Amino acid sequence: MAVTKDSLIGEVIQENPNAVEILMSFGLGCVGCPSAQMESLEEAAMVHGVNVDNMIEALNK
């Protein structure tokens, strides 16, 4: 599964549990929150002031 800006956090974590560590390294500490599970990576990046392109690149490695 290729991760995109529109990918939901919950789907990314379900596909690759190691994504939690990557997301947390970008400052997304609320990845376990129920509402965050339905949030897109782009939405989460905007809220946390993270460069979404860098985060997507790290998740796709």
Protein backbone atom coordinates (compact mmCIF):
# COMPACT_ATOMS: atom_id res chain seq x y z
CA MET A 1 0.00 0.00 0.00
CA ALA A 2 1.44 3.34 -1.05
CA VAL A 3 0.87 6.03 1.56
CA THR A 4 -0.54 9.33 0.25
CA LYS A 5 -1.72 12.62 1.76
CA ASP A 6 -5.26 11.24 1.71
CA SER A 7 -4.37 8.05 3.59
CA LEU A 8 -6.13 7.77 6.93
CA ILE A 9 -3.94 7.39 9.99
CA GLY A 10 -5.90 4.33 11.10
CA GLU A 11 -5.41 2.59 7.75
CA VAL A 12 -1.69 3.38 7.66
CA ILE A 13 -1.19 1.94 11.16
CA GLN A 14 -3.31 -1.11 10.41
CA GLU A 15 -1.27 -1.83 7.28
CA ASN A 16 2.07 -1.18 9.02
CA PRO A 17 2.17 -1.03 12.84
CA ASN A 18 5.73 0.35 12.62
CA ALA A 19 4.17 3.55 11.23
CA VAL A 20 3.28 4.57 14.80
CA GLU A 21 6.94 5.18 15.60
CA ILE A 22 7.43 7.17 12.39
CA LEU A 23 4.33 9.31 12.97
CA MET A 24 5.38 9.99 16.56
CA SER A 25 8.83 11.05 15.37
CA PHE A 26 7.08 13.77 13.36
CA GLY A 27 5.27 15.01 16.48
CA LEU A 28 1.97 13.19 16.00
CA GLY A 29 1.71 11.86 19.53
CA CYS A 30 -2.04 11.32 19.36
CA VAL A 31 -1.97 8.47 16.84
CA GLY A 32 -3.83 6.22 19.28
CA CYS A 33 -6.68 8.69 19.75
CA PRO A 34 -9.97 7.39 18.28
CA SER A 35 -10.64 10.60 16.34
CA ALA A 36 -7.12 10.59 14.87
CA GLN A 37 -7.77 7.17 13.35
CA MET A 38 -10.18 8.77 10.83
CA GLU A 39 -7.95 11.77 10.10
CA SER A 40 -5.94 11.96 6.90
CA LEU A 41 -2.19 12.38 7.06
CA GLU A 42 -2.55 15.77 5.38
CA GLU A 43 -5.05 16.96 8.03
CA ALA A 44 -2.83 15.73 10.86
CA ALA A 45 0.23 17.38 9.34
CA MET A 46 -1.57 20.72 9.08
CA VAL A 47 -2.73 20.57 12.71
CA HIS A 48 0.77 19.71 13.96
CA GLY A 49 2.71 21.99 11.60
CA VAL A 50 4.51 19.08 9.94
CA ASN A 51 5.76 18.91 6.35
CA VAL A 52 3.41 16.27 4.95
CA ASP A 53 5.67 15.42 2.02
CA ASN A 54 8.58 14.54 4.32
CA MET A 55 6.28 12.44 6.51
CA ILE A 56 4.85 10.57 3.48
CA GLU A 57 8.35 9.89 2.19
CA ALA A 58 9.38 8.41 5.56
CA LEU A 59 6.25 6.24 5.73
CA ASN A 60 6.77 4.88 2.22
CA LYS A 61 10.37 3.78 2.89
